[in-house]
């Protein structure tokens, strides 16, 4: 028994869209736990950073997979799309390093003091998130414009 890949595509799209929203929920849970009534500490902790990074990772990976599923069959990846994928991956690494800087002793509040997401870490986080968005935008496949007859 063989399955038609065209019937599986909407199922995979649905799965990865749900994973995208789960990642968004984890992102919010790690970044702003007070939204869910879970904020118990004024500082950022290991678990909070891990949940935030897992959520953002789910969002980035599922977004890439959705873009891959939306690509027309047989269309090759262009240089612009490849650069976009690498830019998004670099943005995620920048976000991860920025968020864990204090936790690994590189930030403005080194251990054994309490970790704090300071101004420089916040700037790195925002810049990394912007790199992810720009990379995902570049990765989106473009459809060729139809040419006028006789041109």
N, C-alpha and C. Protein backbone atom coordinates (compact mmCIF):
# COMPACT_ATOMS: atom_id res chain seq x y z
N UNK A 1 0.85 -1.18 0.00
CA UNK A 1 0.00 0.00 0.00
C UNK A 1 0.89 1.24 0.00
N UNK A 2 0.71 2.09 -0.96
CA UNK A 2 1.48 3.33 -1.04
C UNK A 2 0.57 4.51 -0.72
N UNK A 3 1.18 5.53 -0.17
CA UNK A 3 0.42 6.74 0.16
C UNK A 3 0.81 7.85 -0.81
N UNK A 4 -0.13 8.67 -1.10
CA UNK A 4 0.09 9.80 -2.00
C UNK A 4 0.75 10.93 -1.20
N UNK A 5 1.93 11.41 -1.62
CA UNK A 5 2.59 12.49 -0.85
C UNK A 5 1.78 13.77 -0.80
N UNK A 6 0.89 13.99 -1.77
CA UNK A 6 0.08 15.21 -1.75
C UNK A 6 -0.97 15.18 -0.65
N UNK A 7 -1.40 13.98 -0.22
CA UNK A 7 -2.36 13.90 0.88
C UNK A 7 -1.66 14.00 2.23
N UNK A 8 -0.37 13.69 2.28
CA UNK A 8 0.37 13.78 3.54
C UNK A 8 0.83 15.20 3.84
N UNK A 9 1.00 16.01 2.81
CA UNK A 9 1.50 17.37 3.00
C UNK A 9 0.63 18.21 3.94
N UNK A 10 -0.71 18.24 3.80
CA UNK A 10 -1.51 19.02 4.75
C UNK A 10 -1.40 18.51 6.19
N UNK A 11 -1.24 17.20 6.36
CA UNK A 11 -1.07 16.66 7.72
C UNK A 11 0.22 17.15 8.34
N UNK A 12 1.30 17.12 7.55
CA UNK A 12 2.57 17.60 8.07
C UNK A 12 2.53 19.09 8.34
N UNK A 13 1.87 19.85 7.48
CA UNK A 13 1.72 21.28 7.72
C UNK A 13 0.96 21.54 9.02
N UNK A 14 -0.09 20.79 9.26
CA UNK A 14 -0.85 20.94 10.49
C UNK A 14 0.01 20.60 11.70
N UNK A 15 0.76 19.50 11.61
CA UNK A 15 1.62 19.09 12.72
C UNK A 15 2.64 20.18 13.05
N UNK A 16 3.30 20.72 12.03
CA UNK A 16 4.34 21.71 12.28
C UNK A 16 3.76 23.06 12.68
N UNK A 17 2.55 23.39 12.24
CA UNK A 17 1.89 24.60 12.75
C UNK A 17 1.56 24.46 14.23
N UNK A 18 1.10 23.29 14.64
CA UNK A 18 0.84 23.05 16.07
C UNK A 18 2.15 23.13 16.85
N UNK A 19 3.22 22.53 16.31
CA UNK A 19 4.53 22.60 16.96
C UNK A 19 5.01 24.05 17.05
N UNK A 20 4.72 24.85 16.04
CA UNK A 20 5.07 26.27 16.05
C UNK A 20 4.37 26.99 17.22
N UNK A 21 3.09 26.72 17.40
CA UNK A 21 2.35 27.36 18.50
C UNK A 21 2.78 26.83 19.87
N UNK A 22 3.14 25.55 19.95
CA UNK A 22 3.68 25.01 21.21
C UNK A 22 5.00 25.71 21.52
N UNK A 23 5.83 25.89 20.51
CA UNK A 23 7.09 26.60 20.70
C UNK A 23 6.87 28.03 21.14
N UNK A 24 5.87 28.69 20.55
CA UNK A 24 5.54 30.05 20.97
C UNK A 24 5.10 30.08 22.43
N UNK A 25 4.31 29.10 22.85
CA UNK A 25 3.89 29.01 24.25
C UNK A 25 5.07 28.79 25.18
N UNK A 26 6.00 27.90 24.80
CA UNK A 26 7.20 27.69 25.61
C UNK A 26 8.08 28.93 25.65
N UNK A 27 8.17 29.61 24.52
CA UNK A 27 8.92 30.86 24.45
C UNK A 27 8.36 31.87 25.44
N UNK A 28 7.04 32.03 25.43
CA UNK A 28 6.40 32.98 26.37
C UNK A 28 6.54 32.51 27.81
N UNK A 29 6.42 31.21 28.04
CA UNK A 29 6.56 30.67 29.40
C UNK A 29 7.95 30.93 29.95
N UNK A 30 8.97 30.78 29.10
CA UNK A 30 10.33 31.03 29.57
C UNK A 30 10.66 32.50 29.68
N UNK A 31 10.13 33.30 28.77
CA UNK A 31 10.47 34.72 28.75
C UNK A 31 9.66 35.53 29.77
N UNK A 32 8.36 35.27 29.84
CA UNK A 32 7.47 36.01 30.75
C UNK A 32 6.61 35.03 31.54
N UNK A 33 7.15 34.35 32.53
CA UNK A 33 6.35 33.35 33.26
C UNK A 33 5.19 33.96 34.05
N UNK A 34 5.22 35.26 34.30
CA UNK A 34 4.14 35.90 35.05
C UNK A 34 2.83 35.85 34.28
N UNK A 35 2.89 35.70 32.94
CA UNK A 35 1.66 35.59 32.14
C UNK A 35 0.87 34.36 32.58
N UNK A 36 1.57 33.30 32.95
CA UNK A 36 0.95 32.06 33.37
C UNK A 36 0.83 31.94 34.88
N UNK A 37 1.16 33.01 35.61
CA UNK A 37 1.08 32.99 37.07
C UNK A 37 2.19 32.17 37.71
N UNK A 38 3.34 32.08 37.08
CA UNK A 38 4.43 31.23 37.58
C UNK A 38 5.67 32.01 38.00
N UNK A 39 5.63 33.32 37.99
CA UNK A 39 6.82 34.10 38.31
C UNK A 39 7.05 34.09 39.81
N UNK A 40 8.15 33.48 40.24
CA UNK A 40 8.43 33.40 41.67
C UNK A 40 9.75 34.06 42.05
N UNK A 41 10.48 34.56 41.06
CA UNK A 41 11.80 35.10 41.34
C UNK A 41 12.06 36.31 40.45
N UNK A 42 12.74 37.32 40.99
CA UNK A 42 13.05 38.49 40.16
C UNK A 42 14.21 38.26 39.19
N UNK A 43 14.93 37.15 39.33
CA UNK A 43 16.08 36.87 38.47
C UNK A 43 15.71 35.78 37.47
N UNK A 44 16.54 35.66 36.46
CA UNK A 44 16.33 34.62 35.45
C UNK A 44 17.13 33.39 35.87
N UNK A 45 16.54 32.21 35.75
CA UNK A 45 17.20 30.99 36.17
C UNK A 45 17.49 30.05 35.02
N UNK A 46 18.19 28.96 35.34
CA UNK A 46 18.56 27.98 34.32
C UNK A 46 17.33 27.40 33.62
N UNK A 47 16.34 26.99 34.41
CA UNK A 47 15.16 26.37 33.83
C UNK A 47 14.40 27.34 32.93
N UNK A 48 14.33 28.58 33.34
CA UNK A 48 13.65 29.59 32.54
C UNK A 48 14.36 29.78 31.20
N UNK A 49 15.68 29.83 31.21
CA UNK A 49 16.44 30.00 29.96
C UNK A 49 16.30 28.76 29.08
N UNK A 50 16.33 27.57 29.67
CA UNK A 50 16.20 26.34 28.89
C UNK A 50 14.83 26.27 28.23
N UNK A 51 13.77 26.61 28.96
CA UNK A 51 12.42 26.59 28.39
C UNK A 51 12.31 27.63 27.28
N UNK A 52 12.84 28.81 27.50
CA UNK A 52 12.82 29.87 26.48
C UNK A 52 13.54 29.43 25.22
N UNK A 53 14.72 28.84 25.37
CA UNK A 53 15.50 28.44 24.19
C UNK A 53 14.87 27.25 23.46
N UNK A 54 14.30 26.30 24.19
CA UNK A 54 13.58 25.21 23.54
C UNK A 54 12.39 25.75 22.75
N UNK A 55 11.65 26.66 23.34
CA UNK A 55 10.50 27.24 22.64
C UNK A 55 10.92 27.96 21.38
N UNK A 56 11.97 28.78 21.47
CA UNK A 56 12.44 29.49 20.29
C UNK A 56 12.99 28.52 19.24
N UNK A 57 13.65 27.45 19.70
CA UNK A 57 14.14 26.44 18.78
C UNK A 57 13.01 25.74 18.04
N UNK A 58 11.93 25.42 18.77
CA UNK A 58 10.76 24.81 18.12
C UNK A 58 10.17 25.76 17.08
N UNK A 59 10.09 27.04 17.41
CA UNK A 59 9.54 28.02 16.48
C UNK A 59 10.39 28.10 15.22
N UNK A 60 11.70 28.18 15.38
CA UNK A 60 12.59 28.32 14.22
C UNK A 60 12.57 27.06 13.36
N UNK A 61 12.72 25.90 13.99
CA UNK A 61 12.76 24.65 13.21
C UNK A 61 11.43 24.35 12.53
N UNK A 62 10.33 24.56 13.23
CA UNK A 62 9.04 24.28 12.59
C UNK A 62 8.75 25.31 11.49
N UNK A 63 9.19 26.55 11.66
CA UNK A 63 9.00 27.54 10.60
C UNK A 63 9.79 27.18 9.35
N UNK A 64 11.02 26.70 9.54
CA UNK A 64 11.80 26.25 8.39
C UNK A 64 11.14 25.06 7.70
N UNK A 65 10.62 24.14 8.48
CA UNK A 65 9.98 22.97 7.90
C UNK A 65 8.72 23.36 7.14
N UNK A 66 7.95 24.29 7.69
CA UNK A 66 6.75 24.76 7.00
C UNK A 66 7.14 25.42 5.68
N UNK A 67 8.19 26.25 5.70
CA UNK A 67 8.65 26.87 4.46
C UNK A 67 9.09 25.80 3.45
N UNK A 68 9.74 24.75 3.93
CA UNK A 68 10.19 23.67 3.06
C UNK A 68 8.99 22.94 2.46
N UNK A 69 7.93 22.73 3.26
CA UNK A 69 6.73 22.06 2.76
C UNK A 69 5.96 22.93 1.76
N UNK A 70 6.05 24.25 1.91
CA UNK A 70 5.35 25.15 1.00
C UNK A 70 6.09 25.34 -0.33
N UNK A 71 7.33 24.91 -0.37
CA UNK A 71 8.12 25.06 -1.60
C UNK A 71 7.55 24.15 -2.68
N UNK A 72 7.40 24.66 -3.89
CA UNK A 72 6.93 23.81 -4.99
C UNK A 72 7.89 22.63 -5.20
N UNK A 73 7.32 21.48 -5.52
CA UNK A 73 8.12 20.26 -5.68
C UNK A 73 9.14 20.45 -6.80
N UNK A 74 10.37 20.08 -6.52
CA UNK A 74 11.42 20.13 -7.52
C UNK A 74 12.11 21.48 -7.65
N UNK A 75 11.65 22.49 -6.91
CA UNK A 75 12.29 23.81 -7.00
C UNK A 75 13.58 23.79 -6.19
N UNK A 76 14.71 24.09 -6.80
CA UNK A 76 15.97 24.06 -6.06
C UNK A 76 16.07 25.25 -5.09
N UNK A 77 16.91 25.07 -4.09
CA UNK A 77 17.16 26.13 -3.12
C UNK A 77 18.14 27.12 -3.73
N UNK A 78 17.79 28.41 -3.69
CA UNK A 78 18.66 29.44 -4.25
C UNK A 78 19.70 29.88 -3.22
N UNK A 79 20.65 30.66 -3.67
CA UNK A 79 21.68 31.17 -2.76
C UNK A 79 21.06 32.08 -1.71
N UNK A 80 20.09 32.89 -2.11
CA UNK A 80 19.41 33.78 -1.16
C UNK A 80 18.74 32.98 -0.05
N UNK A 81 18.09 31.88 -0.41
CA UNK A 81 17.42 31.05 0.57
C UNK A 81 18.42 30.35 1.49
N UNK A 82 19.55 29.92 0.93
CA UNK A 82 20.58 29.28 1.74
C UNK A 82 21.20 30.26 2.72
N UNK A 83 21.43 31.50 2.28
CA UNK A 83 21.95 32.54 3.17
C UNK A 83 20.93 32.83 4.28
N UNK A 84 19.64 32.84 3.93
CA UNK A 84 18.60 33.07 4.92
C UNK A 84 18.59 31.99 5.98
N UNK A 85 18.76 30.74 5.58
CA UNK A 85 18.80 29.65 6.56
C UNK A 85 19.99 29.80 7.50
N UNK A 86 21.14 30.14 6.97
CA UNK A 86 22.33 30.31 7.80
C UNK A 86 22.22 31.54 8.70
N UNK A 87 21.59 32.59 8.21
CA UNK A 87 21.40 33.79 9.00
C UNK A 87 20.47 33.51 10.19
N UNK A 88 19.43 32.74 9.97
CA UNK A 88 18.52 32.39 11.06
C UNK A 88 19.23 31.52 12.10
N UNK A 89 20.01 30.57 11.64
CA UNK A 89 20.74 29.71 12.57
C UNK A 89 21.74 30.53 13.39
N UNK A 90 22.40 31.48 12.75
CA UNK A 90 23.32 32.36 13.47
C UNK A 90 22.58 33.23 14.48
N UNK A 91 21.40 33.71 14.11
CA UNK A 91 20.60 34.49 15.04
C UNK A 91 20.20 33.68 16.26
N UNK A 92 19.86 32.39 16.06
CA UNK A 92 19.51 31.55 17.20
C UNK A 92 20.70 31.35 18.12
N UNK A 93 21.88 31.16 17.54
CA UNK A 93 23.09 31.01 18.37
C UNK A 93 23.35 32.29 19.15
N UNK A 94 23.17 33.45 18.52
CA UNK A 94 23.35 34.72 19.21
C UNK A 94 22.36 34.87 20.37
N UNK A 95 21.12 34.48 20.15
CA UNK A 95 20.11 34.52 21.22
C UNK A 95 20.52 33.59 22.36
N UNK A 96 20.97 32.38 22.02
CA UNK A 96 21.36 31.41 23.04
C UNK A 96 22.54 31.92 23.87
N UNK A 97 23.53 32.49 23.22
CA UNK A 97 24.70 33.00 23.95
C UNK A 97 24.32 34.21 24.79
N UNK A 98 23.48 35.07 24.26
CA UNK A 98 23.06 36.26 25.00
C UNK A 98 22.26 35.88 26.24
N UNK A 99 21.38 34.90 26.12
CA UNK A 99 20.53 34.52 27.25
C UNK A 99 21.30 33.76 28.32
N UNK A 100 22.30 33.01 27.93
CA UNK A 100 23.03 32.20 28.90
C UNK A 100 24.32 32.86 29.37
N UNK A 101 24.58 34.09 28.97
CA UNK A 101 25.84 34.75 29.31
C UNK A 101 26.07 34.80 30.82
N UNK A 102 25.09 35.24 31.58
CA UNK A 102 25.26 35.30 33.03
C UNK A 102 25.32 33.91 33.64
N UNK A 103 24.60 32.98 33.07
CA UNK A 103 24.55 31.63 33.64
C UNK A 103 25.85 30.86 33.46
N UNK A 104 26.63 31.21 32.43
CA UNK A 104 27.91 30.54 32.23
C UNK A 104 29.09 31.42 32.64
N UNK A 105 28.80 32.53 33.28
CA UNK A 105 29.85 33.37 33.84
C UNK A 105 30.44 34.39 32.89
N UNK A 106 29.78 34.72 31.78
CA UNK A 106 30.32 35.67 30.82
C UNK A 106 29.59 37.00 30.83
N UNK A 107 28.51 37.12 31.54
CA UNK A 107 27.68 38.31 31.49
C UNK A 107 28.14 39.39 32.43
N UNK A 108 27.30 40.40 32.58
CA UNK A 108 27.62 41.53 33.44
C UNK A 108 27.41 41.23 34.92
N UNK A 109 26.75 40.13 35.24
CA UNK A 109 26.53 39.71 36.62
C UNK A 109 27.12 38.31 36.79
N UNK A 110 28.46 38.20 36.91
CA UNK A 110 29.08 36.87 36.94
C UNK A 110 28.69 36.09 38.20
N UNK A 111 28.82 34.78 38.09
CA UNK A 111 28.54 33.91 39.22
C UNK A 111 29.56 34.17 40.32
N UNK A 112 29.29 34.00 41.56
CA UNK A 112 28.16 33.37 42.22
C UNK A 112 27.00 34.31 42.48
N UNK A 113 27.02 35.51 41.94
CA UNK A 113 25.89 36.42 42.11
C UNK A 113 24.67 35.91 41.36
N UNK A 114 23.54 36.55 41.60
CA UNK A 114 22.31 36.10 40.95
C UNK A 114 22.32 36.53 39.48
N UNK A 115 21.94 35.62 38.57
CA UNK A 115 21.91 35.96 37.15
C UNK A 115 20.81 36.97 36.85
N UNK A 116 21.08 37.83 35.89
CA UNK A 116 20.14 38.88 35.53
C UNK A 116 20.26 39.12 34.03
N UNK A 117 19.14 39.22 33.35
CA UNK A 117 19.16 39.51 31.92
C UNK A 117 19.33 41.01 31.77
N UNK A 118 20.59 41.44 31.62
CA UNK A 118 20.90 42.86 31.58
C UNK A 118 20.67 43.50 30.24
N UNK A 119 21.12 44.74 30.14
CA UNK A 119 20.91 45.53 28.93
C UNK A 119 21.64 44.94 27.73
N UNK A 120 22.90 44.57 27.89
CA UNK A 120 23.65 44.00 26.77
C UNK A 120 23.07 42.67 26.32
N UNK A 121 22.65 41.85 27.28
CA UNK A 121 22.04 40.57 26.92
C UNK A 121 20.72 40.80 26.19
N UNK A 122 19.95 41.79 26.62
CA UNK A 122 18.68 42.09 25.96
C UNK A 122 18.90 42.59 24.54
N UNK A 123 19.94 43.40 24.34
CA UNK A 123 20.26 43.87 22.99
C UNK A 123 20.67 42.69 22.11
N UNK A 124 21.48 41.78 22.65
CA UNK A 124 21.87 40.59 21.89
C UNK A 124 20.67 39.72 21.55
N UNK A 125 19.74 39.61 22.49
CA UNK A 125 18.53 38.82 22.25
C UNK A 125 17.68 39.44 21.15
N UNK A 126 17.48 40.74 21.19
CA UNK A 126 16.68 41.42 20.18
C UNK A 126 17.36 41.37 18.81
N UNK A 127 18.67 41.58 18.77
CA UNK A 127 19.40 41.52 17.51
C UNK A 127 19.36 40.11 16.92
N UNK A 128 19.53 39.09 17.77
CA UNK A 128 19.45 37.71 17.31
C UNK A 128 18.07 37.35 16.80
N UNK A 129 17.02 37.81 17.49
CA UNK A 129 15.65 37.55 17.03
C UNK A 129 15.39 38.25 15.70
N UNK A 130 15.94 39.45 15.53
CA UNK A 130 15.78 40.15 14.25
C UNK A 130 16.51 39.39 13.14
N UNK A 131 17.67 38.82 13.44
CA UNK A 131 18.38 38.01 12.45
C UNK A 131 17.57 36.79 12.06
N UNK A 132 16.88 36.17 13.02
CA UNK A 132 16.04 35.01 12.73
C UNK A 132 14.91 35.41 11.79
N UNK A 133 14.26 36.53 12.07
CA UNK A 133 13.14 36.98 11.24
C UNK A 133 13.61 37.30 9.82
N UNK A 134 14.74 38.01 9.69
CA UNK A 134 15.26 38.34 8.37
C UNK A 134 15.65 37.07 7.62
N UNK A 135 16.27 36.13 8.31
CA UNK A 135 16.65 34.87 7.67
C UNK A 135 15.45 34.07 7.21
N UNK A 136 14.40 34.00 8.03
CA UNK A 136 13.19 33.29 7.61
C UNK A 136 12.53 33.97 6.43
N UNK A 137 12.58 35.30 6.39
CA UNK A 137 12.01 36.03 5.26
C UNK A 137 12.81 35.75 3.99
N UNK A 138 14.12 35.69 4.11
CA UNK A 138 14.95 35.37 2.95
C UNK A 138 14.74 33.93 2.49
N UNK A 139 14.43 33.03 3.41
CA UNK A 139 14.27 31.62 3.08
C UNK A 139 12.96 31.33 2.37
N UNK A 140 12.00 32.23 2.49
CA UNK A 140 10.69 32.01 1.88
C UNK A 140 10.84 31.91 0.37
N UNK A 141 10.31 30.82 -0.24
CA UNK A 141 10.49 30.66 -1.69
C UNK A 141 9.66 31.67 -2.48
N UNK A 142 10.26 32.22 -3.50
CA UNK A 142 9.57 33.15 -4.38
C UNK A 142 9.08 32.40 -5.60
N UNK A 143 7.93 32.78 -6.06
CA UNK A 143 7.43 32.19 -7.30
C UNK A 143 7.83 33.09 -8.46
N UNK A 144 8.30 32.52 -9.54
CA UNK A 144 8.70 33.37 -10.67
C UNK A 144 7.50 34.08 -11.27
N UNK A 145 7.72 35.34 -11.64
CA UNK A 145 6.64 36.13 -12.24
C UNK A 145 6.44 35.69 -13.69
N UNK A 146 5.18 35.58 -14.10
CA UNK A 146 4.95 35.19 -15.50
C UNK A 146 5.37 36.30 -16.46
N UNK A 147 5.95 35.91 -17.55
CA UNK A 147 6.42 36.88 -18.54
C UNK A 147 5.33 37.15 -19.56
N UNK A 148 5.32 38.38 -20.00
CA UNK A 148 4.35 38.76 -21.03
C UNK A 148 4.71 38.10 -22.34
N UNK A 149 3.72 37.71 -23.13
CA UNK A 149 4.05 37.09 -24.43
C UNK A 149 4.81 38.07 -25.32
N UNK A 150 5.81 37.51 -25.98
CA UNK A 150 6.60 38.31 -26.90
C UNK A 150 7.75 39.06 -26.26
N UNK A 151 8.02 38.84 -24.97
CA UNK A 151 9.14 39.56 -24.34
C UNK A 151 10.30 38.64 -24.09
